[in-house]
Structures are given as C-alpha cells and as structure tokens.
C-alpha cells in the first residue's frame, strides 16, 4: 500500500493471494476481529 504501482491484476489466477490493501466492495470478515480494535474502526487519513 506504499506503492500504488503494486495493484493486483485480475488475470492473476493463483487461488488465494495475500495483499496489504483492497477495497471493501466485496469482503468477508469474521465479526470477532472488531473486538480486537479500539474505536474508531473507520477513519480517513492524509
């Protein structure tokens, strides 16, 4: 996420791939991950 040129191509078919950042347009999460966080969960930073 420190390099905007490292976006993952859609033609990369390799099962599961680990990334640092991705949009939340289609994302599954275990709900209990939020119990480990301190609010605010969501924020913008410059």
ModelCIF file with pLDDT and N, C-alpha, C, O atoms, coordinates in Angstrom:
data_MODEL
#
_entry.id   MODEL 
#
_entity.id                         1 
_entity.type                       polymer 
_entity.pdbx_number_of_molecules   1 
#
_entity_poly.entity_id                      1 
_entity_poly.type                           'polypeptide(L)' 
_entity_poly.nstd_linkage                   no 
_entity_poly.nstd_monomer                   no 
_entity_poly.pdbx_seq_one_letter_code       
;(UNK)(UNK)(UNK)(UNK)(UNK)(UNK)(UNK)(UNK)(UNK)(UNK)(UNK)(UNK)(UNK)(UNK)(UNK)(UNK)
(UNK)(UNK)(UNK)(UNK)(UNK)(UNK)(UNK)(UNK)(UNK)(UNK)(UNK)(UNK)(UNK)(UNK)(UNK)(UNK)
(UNK)(UNK)(UNK)(UNK)(UNK)(UNK)(UNK)(UNK)(UNK)(UNK)(UNK)(UNK)(UNK)(UNK)
;
_entity_poly.pdbx_seq_one_letter_code_can   XXXXXXXXXXXXXXXXXXXXXXXXXXXXXXXXXXXXXXXXXXXXXX 
_entity_poly.pdbx_strand_id                 A 
#
loop_
_entity_poly_seq.entity_id 
_entity_poly_seq.num 
_entity_poly_seq.mon_id 
_entity_poly_seq.hetero 
1 1  UNK n 
1 2  UNK n 
1 3  UNK n 
1 4  UNK n 
1 5  UNK n 
1 6  UNK n 
1 7  UNK n 
1 8  UNK n 
1 9  UNK n 
1 10 UNK n 
1 11 UNK n 
1 12 UNK n 
1 13 UNK n 
1 14 UNK n 
1 15 UNK n 
1 16 UNK n 
1 17 UNK n 
1 18 UNK n 
1 19 UNK n 
1 20 UNK n 
1 21 UNK n 
1 22 UNK n 
1 23 UNK n 
1 24 UNK n 
1 25 UNK n 
1 26 UNK n 
1 27 UNK n 
1 28 UNK n 
1 29 UNK n 
1 30 UNK n 
1 31 UNK n 
1 32 UNK n 
1 33 UNK n 
1 34 UNK n 
1 35 UNK n 
1 36 UNK n 
1 37 UNK n 
1 38 UNK n 
1 39 UNK n 
1 40 UNK n 
1 41 UNK n 
1 42 UNK n 
1 43 UNK n 
1 44 UNK n 
1 45 UNK n 
1 46 UNK n 
#
_struct_asym.id          A 
_struct_asym.entity_id   1 
#
loop_
_ma_qa_metric.id 
_ma_qa_metric.mode 
_ma_qa_metric.name 
_ma_qa_metric.software_group_id 
_ma_qa_metric.type 
1 global pLDDT . pLDDT 
2 local  pLDDT . pLDDT 
#
_ma_qa_metric_global.metric_id      1 
_ma_qa_metric_global.metric_value   92.65 
_ma_qa_metric_global.model_id       1 
_ma_qa_metric_global.ordinal_id     1 
#
loop_
_ma_qa_metric_local.label_asym_id 
_ma_qa_metric_local.label_comp_id 
_ma_qa_metric_local.label_seq_id 
_ma_qa_metric_local.metric_id 
_ma_qa_metric_local.metric_value 
_ma_qa_metric_local.model_id 
_ma_qa_metric_local.ordinal_id 
A UNK 1  2 90.00 1 1  
A UNK 2  2 86.00 1 2  
A UNK 3  2 89.00 1 3  
A UNK 4  2 86.00 1 4  
A UNK 5  2 92.00 1 5  
A UNK 6  2 93.00 1 6  
A UNK 7  2 94.00 1 7  
A UNK 8  2 95.00 1 8  
A UNK 9  2 92.00 1 9  
A UNK 10 2 91.00 1 10 
A UNK 11 2 86.00 1 11 
A UNK 12 2 73.00 1 12 
A UNK 13 2 78.00 1 13 
A UNK 14 2 80.00 1 14 
A UNK 15 2 90.00 1 15 
A UNK 16 2 95.00 1 16 
A UNK 17 2 96.00 1 17 
A UNK 18 2 96.00 1 18 
A UNK 19 2 97.00 1 19 
A UNK 20 2 97.00 1 20 
A UNK 21 2 96.00 1 21 
A UNK 22 2 97.00 1 22 
A UNK 23 2 96.00 1 23 
A UNK 24 2 97.00 1 24 
A UNK 25 2 96.00 1 25 
A UNK 26 2 98.00 1 26 
A UNK 27 2 98.00 1 27 
A UNK 28 2 98.00 1 28 
A UNK 29 2 98.00 1 29 
A UNK 30 2 98.00 1 30 
A UNK 31 2 97.00 1 31 
A UNK 32 2 96.00 1 32 
A UNK 33 2 97.00 1 33 
A UNK 34 2 96.00 1 34 
A UNK 35 2 95.00 1 35 
A UNK 36 2 94.00 1 36 
A UNK 37 2 95.00 1 37 
A UNK 38 2 92.00 1 38 
A UNK 39 2 90.00 1 39 
A UNK 40 2 92.00 1 40 
A UNK 41 2 94.00 1 41 
A UNK 42 2 95.00 1 42 
A UNK 43 2 93.00 1 43 
A UNK 44 2 92.00 1 44 
A UNK 45 2 90.00 1 45 
A UNK 46 2 86.00 1 46 
#
loop_
_atom_site.group_PDB 
_atom_site.id 
_atom_site.type_symbol 
_atom_site.label_atom_id 
_atom_site.label_alt_id 
_atom_site.label_comp_id 
_atom_site.label_asym_id 
_atom_site.label_entity_id 
_atom_site.label_seq_id 
_atom_site.pdbx_PDB_ins_code 
_atom_site.Cartn_x 
_atom_site.Cartn_y 
_atom_site.Cartn_z 
_atom_site.occupancy 
_atom_site.B_iso_or_equiv 
_atom_site.pdbx_formal_charge 
_atom_site.auth_seq_id 
_atom_site.auth_comp_id 
_atom_site.auth_asym_id 
_atom_site.auth_atom_id 
_atom_site.pdbx_PDB_model_num 
ATOM 1   N N  . UNK A 1 1  ? 0.808   -1.223  0.000   1.00 90.00 ? 1  UNK A N  1 
ATOM 2   C CA . UNK A 1 1  ? 0.000   0.000   0.000   1.00 90.00 ? 1  UNK A CA 1 
ATOM 3   C C  . UNK A 1 1  ? 0.842   1.274   0.000   1.00 90.00 ? 1  UNK A C  1 
ATOM 4   O O  . UNK A 1 1  ? 0.300   2.375   -0.099  1.00 90.00 ? 1  UNK A O  1 
ATOM 5   N N  . UNK A 1 2  ? 2.146   1.134   0.109   1.00 86.00 ? 2  UNK A N  1 
ATOM 6   C CA . UNK A 1 2  ? 3.013   2.311   -0.009  1.00 86.00 ? 2  UNK A CA 1 
ATOM 7   C C  . UNK A 1 2  ? 3.425   2.561   -1.452  1.00 86.00 ? 2  UNK A C  1 
ATOM 8   O O  . UNK A 1 2  ? 4.120   3.535   -1.742  1.00 86.00 ? 2  UNK A O  1 
ATOM 9   N N  . UNK A 1 3  ? 2.999   1.682   -2.360  1.00 89.00 ? 3  UNK A N  1 
ATOM 10  C CA . UNK A 1 3  ? 3.354   1.804   -3.772  1.00 89.00 ? 3  UNK A CA 1 
ATOM 11  C C  . UNK A 1 3  ? 2.118   1.534   -4.616  1.00 89.00 ? 3  UNK A C  1 
ATOM 12  O O  . UNK A 1 3  ? 1.678   0.390   -4.729  1.00 89.00 ? 3  UNK A O  1 
ATOM 13  N N  . UNK A 1 4  ? 1.554   2.590   -5.213  1.00 86.00 ? 4  UNK A N  1 
ATOM 14  C CA . UNK A 1 4  ? 0.318   2.447   -5.989  1.00 86.00 ? 4  UNK A CA 1 
ATOM 15  C C  . UNK A 1 4  ? 0.519   1.672   -7.286  1.00 86.00 ? 4  UNK A C  1 
ATOM 16  O O  . UNK A 1 4  ? -0.452  1.402   -7.993  1.00 86.00 ? 4  UNK A O  1 
ATOM 17  N N  . UNK A 1 5  ? 1.760   1.307   -7.616  1.00 92.00 ? 5  UNK A N  1 
ATOM 18  C CA . UNK A 1 5  ? 2.015   0.514   -8.816  1.00 92.00 ? 5  UNK A CA 1 
ATOM 19  C C  . UNK A 1 5  ? 1.966   -0.984  -8.540  1.00 92.00 ? 5  UNK A C  1 
ATOM 20  O O  . UNK A 1 5  ? 2.218   -1.786  -9.439  1.00 92.00 ? 5  UNK A O  1 
ATOM 21  N N  . UNK A 1 6  ? 1.644   -1.372  -7.308  1.00 93.00 ? 6  UNK A N  1 
ATOM 22  C CA . UNK A 1 6  ? 1.616   -2.801  -6.962  1.00 93.00 ? 6  UNK A CA 1 
ATOM 23  C C  . UNK A 1 6  ? 0.201   -3.376  -6.993  1.00 93.00 ? 6  UNK A C  1 
ATOM 24  O O  . UNK A 1 6  ? -0.085  -4.370  -6.325  1.00 93.00 ? 6  UNK A O  1 
ATOM 25  N N  . UNK A 1 7  ? -0.689  -2.743  -7.778  1.00 94.00 ? 7  UNK A N  1 
ATOM 26  C CA . UNK A 1 7  ? -2.052  -3.269  -7.870  1.00 94.00 ? 7  UNK A CA 1 
ATOM 27  C C  . UNK A 1 7  ? -2.032  -4.671  -8.480  1.00 94.00 ? 7  UNK A C  1 
ATOM 28  O O  . UNK A 1 7  ? -1.200  -4.984  -9.332  1.00 94.00 ? 7  UNK A O  1 
ATOM 29  N N  . UNK A 1 8  ? -2.957  -5.496  -8.028  1.00 95.00 ? 8  UNK A N  1 
ATOM 30  C CA . UNK A 1 8  ? -3.004  -6.908  -8.400  1.00 95.00 ? 8  UNK A CA 1 
ATOM 31  C C  . UNK A 1 8  ? -3.852  -7.093  -9.661  1.00 95.00 ? 8  UNK A C  1 
ATOM 32  O O  . UNK A 1 8  ? -5.048  -6.802  -9.635  1.00 95.00 ? 8  UNK A O  1 
ATOM 33  N N  . UNK A 1 9  ? -3.265  -7.568  -10.760 1.00 92.00 ? 9  UNK A N  1 
ATOM 34  C CA . UNK A 1 9  ? -4.038  -7.758  -11.995 1.00 92.00 ? 9  UNK A CA 1 
ATOM 35  C C  . UNK A 1 9  ? -5.121  -8.809  -11.833 1.00 92.00 ? 9  UNK A C  1 
ATOM 36  O O  . UNK A 1 9  ? -4.956  -9.775  -11.088 1.00 92.00 ? 9  UNK A O  1 
ATOM 37  N N  . UNK A 1 10 ? -6.223  -8.619  -12.530 1.00 91.00 ? 10 UNK A N  1 
ATOM 38  C CA . UNK A 1 10 ? -7.308  -9.595  -12.460 1.00 91.00 ? 10 UNK A CA 1 
ATOM 39  C C  . UNK A 1 10 ? -6.969  -10.890 -13.189 1.00 91.00 ? 10 UNK A C  1 
ATOM 40  O O  . UNK A 1 10 ? -7.572  -11.927 -12.915 1.00 91.00 ? 10 UNK A O  1 
ATOM 41  N N  . UNK A 1 11 ? -6.023  -10.844 -14.102 1.00 86.00 ? 11 UNK A N  1 
ATOM 42  C CA . UNK A 1 11 ? -5.682  -12.063 -14.824 1.00 86.00 ? 11 UNK A CA 1 
ATOM 43  C C  . UNK A 1 11 ? -4.722  -12.951 -14.039 1.00 86.00 ? 11 UNK A C  1 
ATOM 44  O O  . UNK A 1 11 ? -4.305  -14.000 -14.531 1.00 86.00 ? 11 UNK A O  1 
ATOM 45  N N  . UNK A 1 12 ? -4.364  -12.536 -12.811 1.00 73.00 ? 12 UNK A N  1 
ATOM 46  C CA . UNK A 1 12 ? -3.529  -13.379 -11.951 1.00 73.00 ? 12 UNK A CA 1 
ATOM 47  C C  . UNK A 1 12 ? -4.430  -14.384 -11.243 1.00 73.00 ? 12 UNK A C  1 
ATOM 48  O O  . UNK A 1 12 ? -5.095  -14.042 -10.265 1.00 73.00 ? 12 UNK A O  1 
ATOM 49  N N  . UNK A 1 13 ? -4.454  -15.601 -11.726 1.00 78.00 ? 13 UNK A N  1 
ATOM 50  C CA . UNK A 1 13 ? -5.286  -16.657 -11.143 1.00 78.00 ? 13 UNK A CA 1 
ATOM 51  C C  . UNK A 1 13 ? -4.363  -17.597 -10.370 1.00 78.00 ? 13 UNK A C  1 
ATOM 52  O O  . UNK A 1 13 ? -3.674  -18.432 -10.956 1.00 78.00 ? 13 UNK A O  1 
ATOM 53  N N  . UNK A 1 14 ? -4.360  -17.449 -9.067  1.00 80.00 ? 14 UNK A N  1 
ATOM 54  C CA . UNK A 1 14 ? -3.424  -18.226 -8.252  1.00 80.00 ? 14 UNK A CA 1 
ATOM 55  C C  . UNK A 1 14 ? -4.061  -18.592 -6.913  1.00 80.00 ? 14 UNK A C  1 
ATOM 56  O O  . UNK A 1 14 ? -3.416  -18.523 -5.867  1.00 80.00 ? 14 UNK A O  1 
ATOM 57  N N  . UNK A 1 15 ? -5.345  -18.984 -6.959  1.00 90.00 ? 15 UNK A N  1 
ATOM 58  C CA . UNK A 1 15 ? -6.023  -19.340 -5.709  1.00 90.00 ? 15 UNK A CA 1 
ATOM 59  C C  . UNK A 1 15 ? -6.146  -18.142 -4.799  1.00 90.00 ? 15 UNK A C  1 
ATOM 60  O O  . UNK A 1 15 ? -6.750  -17.138 -5.176  1.00 90.00 ? 15 UNK A O  1 
ATOM 61  N N  . UNK A 1 16 ? -5.580  -18.229 -3.598  1.00 95.00 ? 16 UNK A N  1 
ATOM 62  C CA . UNK A 1 16 ? -5.594  -17.123 -2.650  1.00 95.00 ? 16 UNK A CA 1 
ATOM 63  C C  . UNK A 1 16 ? -4.263  -16.383 -2.711  1.00 95.00 ? 16 UNK A C  1 
ATOM 64  O O  . UNK A 1 16 ? -3.195  -16.995 -2.715  1.00 95.00 ? 16 UNK A O  1 
ATOM 65  N N  . UNK A 1 17 ? -4.347  -15.064 -2.759  1.00 96.00 ? 17 UNK A N  1 
ATOM 66  C CA . UNK A 1 17 ? -3.158  -14.209 -2.783  1.00 96.00 ? 17 UNK A CA 1 
ATOM 67  C C  . UNK A 1 17 ? -3.239  -13.235 -1.616  1.00 96.00 ? 17 UNK A C  1 
ATOM 68  O O  . UNK A 1 17 ? -4.281  -12.624 -1.378  1.00 96.00 ? 17 UNK A O  1 
ATOM 69  N N  . UNK A 1 18 ? -2.133  -13.094 -0.889  1.00 96.00 ? 18 UNK A N  1 
ATOM 70  C CA . UNK A 1 18 ? -2.093  -12.178 0.243   1.00 96.00 ? 18 UNK A CA 1 
ATOM 71  C C  . UNK A 1 18 ? -1.794  -10.760 -0.249  1.00 96.00 ? 18 UNK A C  1 
ATOM 72  O O  . UNK A 1 18 ? -0.907  -10.556 -1.078  1.00 96.00 ? 18 UNK A O  1 
ATOM 73  N N  . UNK A 1 19 ? -2.549  -9.779  0.273   1.00 97.00 ? 19 UNK A N  1 
ATOM 74  C CA . UNK A 1 19 ? -2.354  -8.381  -0.087  1.00 97.00 ? 19 UNK A CA 1 
ATOM 75  C C  . UNK A 1 19 ? -2.305  -7.537  1.184   1.00 97.00 ? 19 UNK A C  1 
ATOM 76  O O  . UNK A 1 19 ? -2.625  -8.014  2.273   1.00 97.00 ? 19 UNK A O  1 
ATOM 77  N N  . UNK A 1 20 ? -1.903  -6.280  1.031   1.00 97.00 ? 20 UNK A N  1 
ATOM 78  C CA . UNK A 1 20 ? -1.915  -5.349  2.160   1.00 97.00 ? 20 UNK A CA 1 
ATOM 79  C C  . UNK A 1 20 ? -3.181  -4.511  2.180   1.00 97.00 ? 20 UNK A C  1 
ATOM 80  O O  . UNK A 1 20 ? -3.660  -4.134  3.249   1.00 97.00 ? 20 UNK A O  1 
ATOM 81  N N  . UNK A 1 21 ? -3.721  -4.220  1.015   1.00 96.00 ? 21 UNK A N  1 
ATOM 82  C CA . UNK A 1 21 ? -4.913  -3.377  0.970   1.00 96.00 ? 21 UNK A CA 1 
ATOM 83  C C  . UNK A 1 21 ? -5.823  -3.760  -0.181  1.00 96.00 ? 21 UNK A C  1 
ATOM 84  O O  . UNK A 1 21 ? -5.361  -4.190  -1.238  1.00 96.00 ? 21 UNK A O  1 
ATOM 85  N N  . UNK A 1 22 ? -7.124  -3.601  0.034   1.00 97.00 ? 22 UNK A N  1 
ATOM 86  C CA . UNK A 1 22 ? -8.119  -3.866  -1.003  1.00 97.00 ? 22 UNK A CA 1 
ATOM 87  C C  . UNK A 1 22 ? -9.398  -3.120  -0.628  1.00 97.00 ? 22 UNK A C  1 
ATOM 88  O O  . UNK A 1 22 ? -9.696  -2.942  0.553   1.00 97.00 ? 22 UNK A O  1 
ATOM 89  N N  . UNK A 1 23 ? -10.138 -2.691  -1.624  1.00 96.00 ? 23 UNK A N  1 
ATOM 90  C CA . UNK A 1 23 ? -11.420 -2.048  -1.372  1.00 96.00 ? 23 UNK A CA 1 
ATOM 91  C C  . UNK A 1 23 ? -12.410 -3.016  -0.737  1.00 96.00 ? 23 UNK A C  1 
ATOM 92  O O  . UNK A 1 23 ? -12.266 -4.233  -0.856  1.00 96.00 ? 23 UNK A O  1 
ATOM 93  N N  . UNK A 1 24 ? -13.409 -2.468  -0.067  1.00 97.00 ? 24 UNK A N  1 
ATOM 94  C CA . UNK A 1 24 ? -14.368 -3.289  0.673   1.00 97.00 ? 24 UNK A CA 1 
ATOM 95  C C  . UNK A 1 24 ? -15.652 -3.553  -0.102  1.00 97.00 ? 24 UNK A C  1 
ATOM 96  O O  . UNK A 1 24 ? -16.691 -3.846  0.490   1.00 97.00 ? 24 UNK A O  1 
ATOM 97  N N  . UNK A 1 25 ? -15.581 -3.449  -1.430  1.00 96.00 ? 25 UNK A N  1 
ATOM 98  C CA . UNK A 1 25 ? -16.773 -3.666  -2.241  1.00 96.00 ? 25 UNK A CA 1 
ATOM 99  C C  . UNK A 1 25 ? -17.312 -5.071  -2.186  1.00 96.00 ? 25 UNK A C  1 
ATOM 100 O O  . UNK A 1 25 ? -18.497 -5.298  -2.428  1.00 96.00 ? 25 UNK A O  1 
ATOM 101 N N  . UNK A 1 26 ? -16.432 -6.036  -1.864  1.00 98.00 ? 26 UNK A N  1 
ATOM 102 C CA . UNK A 1 26 ? -16.842 -7.437  -1.692  1.00 98.00 ? 26 UNK A CA 1 
ATOM 103 C C  . UNK A 1 26 ? -15.837 -8.091  -0.763  1.00 98.00 ? 26 UNK A C  1 
ATOM 104 O O  . UNK A 1 26 ? -14.822 -8.622  -1.213  1.00 98.00 ? 26 UNK A O  1 
ATOM 105 N N  . UNK A 1 27 ? -16.118 -8.054  0.529   1.00 98.00 ? 27 UNK A N  1 
ATOM 106 C CA . UNK A 1 27 ? -15.163 -8.512  1.537   1.00 98.00 ? 27 UNK A CA 1 
ATOM 107 C C  . UNK A 1 27 ? -15.875 -9.244  2.668   1.00 98.00 ? 27 UNK A C  1 
ATOM 108 O O  . UNK A 1 27 ? -16.851 -8.749  3.231   1.00 98.00 ? 27 UNK A O  1 
ATOM 109 N N  . UNK A 1 28 ? -15.369 -10.432 2.988   1.00 98.00 ? 28 UNK A N  1 
ATOM 110 C CA . UNK A 1 28 ? -15.890 -11.224 4.104   1.00 98.00 ? 28 UNK A CA 1 
ATOM 111 C C  . UNK A 1 28 ? -14.917 -11.133 5.270   1.00 98.00 ? 28 UNK A C  1 
ATOM 112 O O  . UNK A 1 28 ? -13.707 -11.269 5.092   1.00 98.00 ? 28 UNK A O  1 
ATOM 113 N N  . UNK A 1 29 ? -15.456 -10.899 6.470   1.00 98.00 ? 29 UNK A N  1 
ATOM 114 C CA . UNK A 1 29 ? -14.631 -10.799 7.673   1.00 98.00 ? 29 UNK A CA 1 
ATOM 115 C C  . UNK A 1 29 ? -15.302 -11.546 8.812   1.00 98.00 ? 29 UNK A C  1 
ATOM 116 O O  . UNK A 1 29 ? -16.529 -11.571 8.909   1.00 98.00 ? 29 UNK A O  1 
ATOM 117 N N  . UNK A 1 30 ? -14.498 -12.151 9.670   1.00 98.00 ? 30 UNK A N  1 
ATOM 118 C CA . UNK A 1 30 ? -15.051 -12.674 10.916  1.00 98.00 ? 30 UNK A CA 1 
ATOM 119 C C  . UNK A 1 30 ? -15.376 -11.489 11.821  1.00 98.00 ? 30 UNK A C  1 
ATOM 120 O O  . UNK A 1 30 ? -14.551 -10.591 11.992  1.00 98.00 ? 30 UNK A O  1 
ATOM 121 N N  . UNK A 1 31 ? -16.560 -11.485 12.391  1.00 97.00 ? 31 UNK A N  1 
ATOM 122 C CA . UNK A 1 31 ? -17.003 -10.345 13.182  1.00 97.00 ? 31 UNK A CA 1 
ATOM 123 C C  . UNK A 1 31 ? -16.120 -10.116 14.395  1.00 97.00 ? 31 UNK A C  1 
ATOM 124 O O  . UNK A 1 31 ? -15.977 -8.978  14.844  1.00 97.00 ? 31 UNK A O  1 
ATOM 125 N N  . UNK A 1 32 ? -15.528 -11.166 14.932  1.00 96.00 ? 32 UNK A N  1 
ATOM 126 C CA . UNK A 1 32 ? -14.749 -11.010 16.169  1.00 96.00 ? 32 UNK A CA 1 
ATOM 127 C C  . UNK A 1 32 ? -13.459 -10.218 15.978  1.00 96.00 ? 32 UNK A C  1 
ATOM 128 O O  . UNK A 1 32 ? -12.817 -9.857  16.964  1.00 96.00 ? 32 UNK A O  1 
ATOM 129 N N  . UNK A 1 33 ? -13.057 -9.935  14.725  1.00 97.00 ? 33 UNK A N  1 
ATOM 130 C CA . UNK A 1 33 ? -11.854 -9.117  14.543  1.00 97.00 ? 33 UNK A CA 1 
ATOM 131 C C  . UNK A 1 33 ? -12.072 -7.711  15.101  1.00 97.00 ? 33 UNK A C  1 
ATOM 132 O O  . UNK A 1 33 ? -11.121 -7.044  15.507  1.00 97.00 ? 33 UNK A O  1 
ATOM 133 N N  . UNK A 1 34 ? -13.325 -7.267  15.117  1.00 96.00 ? 34 UNK A N  1 
ATOM 134 C CA . UNK A 1 34 ? -13.605 -5.919  15.609  1.00 96.00 ? 34 UNK A CA 1 
ATOM 135 C C  . UNK A 1 34 ? -13.477 -5.829  17.127  1.00 96.00 ? 34 UNK A C  1 
ATOM 136 O O  . UNK A 1 34 ? -13.306 -4.739  17.672  1.00 96.00 ? 34 UNK A O  1 
ATOM 137 N N  . UNK A 1 35 ? -13.559 -6.973  17.814  1.00 95.00 ? 35 UNK A N  1 
ATOM 138 C CA . UNK A 1 35 ? -13.399 -6.962  19.270  1.00 95.00 ? 35 UNK A CA 1 
ATOM 139 C C  . UNK A 1 35 ? -11.952 -6.682  19.662  1.00 95.00 ? 35 UNK A C  1 
ATOM 140 O O  . UNK A 1 35 ? -11.678 -6.342  20.813  1.00 95.00 ? 35 UNK A O  1 
ATOM 141 N N  . UNK A 1 36 ? -11.026 -6.822  18.717  1.00 94.00 ? 36 UNK A N  1 
ATOM 142 C CA . UNK A 1 36 ? -9.613  -6.566  18.987  1.00 94.00 ? 36 UNK A CA 1 
ATOM 143 C C  . UNK A 1 36 ? -9.235  -5.111  18.720  1.00 94.00 ? 36 UNK A C  1 
ATOM 144 O O  . UNK A 1 36 ? -8.125  -4.687  19.040  1.00 94.00 ? 36 UNK A O  1 
ATOM 145 N N  . UNK A 1 37 ? -10.151 -4.352  18.138  1.00 95.00 ? 37 UNK A N  1 
ATOM 146 C CA . UNK A 1 37 ? -9.860  -2.978  17.731  1.00 95.00 ? 37 UNK A CA 1 
ATOM 147 C C  . UNK A 1 37 ? -10.390 -1.966  18.729  1.00 95.00 ? 37 UNK A C  1 
ATOM 148 O O  . UNK A 1 37 ? -11.350 -2.228  19.454  1.00 95.00 ? 37 UNK A O  1 
ATOM 149 N N  . UNK A 1 38 ? -9.753  -0.808  18.755  1.00 92.00 ? 38 UNK A N  1 
ATOM 150 C CA . UNK A 1 38 ? -10.234 0.338   19.523  1.00 92.00 ? 38 UNK A CA 1 
ATOM 151 C C  . UNK A 1 38 ? -10.925 1.292   18.556  1.00 92.00 ? 38 UNK A C  1 
ATOM 152 O O  . UNK A 1 38 ? -10.408 1.554   17.470  1.00 92.00 ? 38 UNK A O  1 
ATOM 153 N N  . UNK A 1 39 ? -12.076 1.806   18.935  1.00 90.00 ? 39 UNK A N  1 
ATOM 154 C CA . UNK A 1 39 ? -12.770 2.767   18.074  1.00 90.00 ? 39 UNK A CA 1 
ATOM 155 C C  . UNK A 1 39 ? -11.982 4.068   17.985  1.00 90.00 ? 39 UNK A C  1 
ATOM 156 O O  . UNK A 1 39 ? -11.300 4.452   18.935  1.00 90.00 ? 39 UNK A O  1 
ATOM 157 N N  . UNK A 1 40 ? -12.078 4.754   16.832  1.00 92.00 ? 40 UNK A N  1 
ATOM 158 C CA . UNK A 1 40 ? -12.944 4.459   15.694  1.00 92.00 ? 40 UNK A CA 1 
ATOM 159 C C  . UNK A 1 40 ? -12.370 3.344   14.813  1.00 92.00 ? 40 UNK A C  1 
ATOM 160 O O  . UNK A 1 40 ? -11.169 3.301   14.543  1.00 92.00 ? 40 UNK A O  1 
ATOM 161 N N  . UNK A 1 41 ? -13.252 2.449   14.376  1.00 94.00 ? 41 UNK A N  1 
ATOM 162 C CA . UNK A 1 41 ? -12.826 1.404   13.465  1.00 94.00 ? 41 UNK A CA 1 
ATOM 163 C C  . UNK A 1 41 ? -12.468 1.985   12.099  1.00 94.00 ? 41 UNK A C  1 
ATOM 164 O O  . UNK A 1 41 ? -11.511 1.560   11.452  1.00 94.00 ? 41 UNK A O  1 
ATOM 165 N N  . UNK A 1 42 ? -13.261 2.963   11.681  1.00 95.00 ? 42 UNK A N  1 
ATOM 166 C CA . UNK A 1 42 ? -13.151 3.503   10.329  1.00 95.00 ? 42 UNK A CA 1 
ATOM 167 C C  . UNK A 1 42 ? -12.762 4.982   10.381  1.00 95.00 ? 42 UNK A C  1 
ATOM 168 O O  . UNK A 1 42 ? -13.348 5.764   11.129  1.00 95.00 ? 42 UNK A O  1 
ATOM 169 N N  . UNK A 1 43 ? -11.766 5.349   9.575   1.00 93.00 ? 43 UNK A N  1 
ATOM 170 C CA . UNK A 1 43 ? -11.346 6.744   9.508   1.00 93.00 ? 43 UNK A CA 1 
ATOM 171 C C  . UNK A 1 43 ? -10.544 6.977   8.232   1.00 93.00 ? 43 UNK A C  1 
ATOM 172 O O  . UNK A 1 43 ? -9.998  6.044   7.642   1.00 93.00 ? 43 UNK A O  1 
ATOM 173 N N  . UNK A 1 44 ? -10.485 8.244   7.820   1.00 92.00 ? 44 UNK A N  1 
ATOM 174 C CA . UNK A 1 44 ? -9.659  8.659   6.696   1.00 92.00 ? 44 UNK A CA 1 
ATOM 175 C C  . UNK A 1 44 ? -8.369  9.272   7.241   1.00 92.00 ? 44 UNK A C  1 
ATOM 176 O O  . UNK A 1 44 ? -8.389  9.927   8.283   1.00 92.00 ? 44 UNK A O  1 
ATOM 177 N N  . UNK A 1 45 ? -7.266  9.070   6.557   1.00 90.00 ? 45 UNK A N  1 
ATOM 178 C CA . UNK A 1 45 ? -6.019  9.720   6.954   1.00 90.00 ? 45 UNK A CA 1 
ATOM 179 C C  . UNK A 1 45 ? -5.337  10.286  5.711   1.00 90.00 ? 45 UNK A C  1 
ATOM 180 O O  . UNK A 1 45 ? -5.420  9.714   4.624   1.00 90.00 ? 45 UNK A O  1 
ATOM 181 N N  . UNK A 1 46 ? -4.667  11.414  5.892   1.00 86.00 ? 46 UNK A N  1 
ATOM 182 C CA . UNK A 1 46 ? -3.999  12.094  4.787   1.00 86.00 ? 46 UNK A CA 1 
ATOM 183 C C  . UNK A 1 46 ? -2.549  11.652  4.690   1.00 86.00 ? 46 UNK A C  1 
ATOM 184 O O  . UNK A 1 46 ? -1.819  12.118  3.815   1.00 86.00 ? 46 UNK A O  1 
#
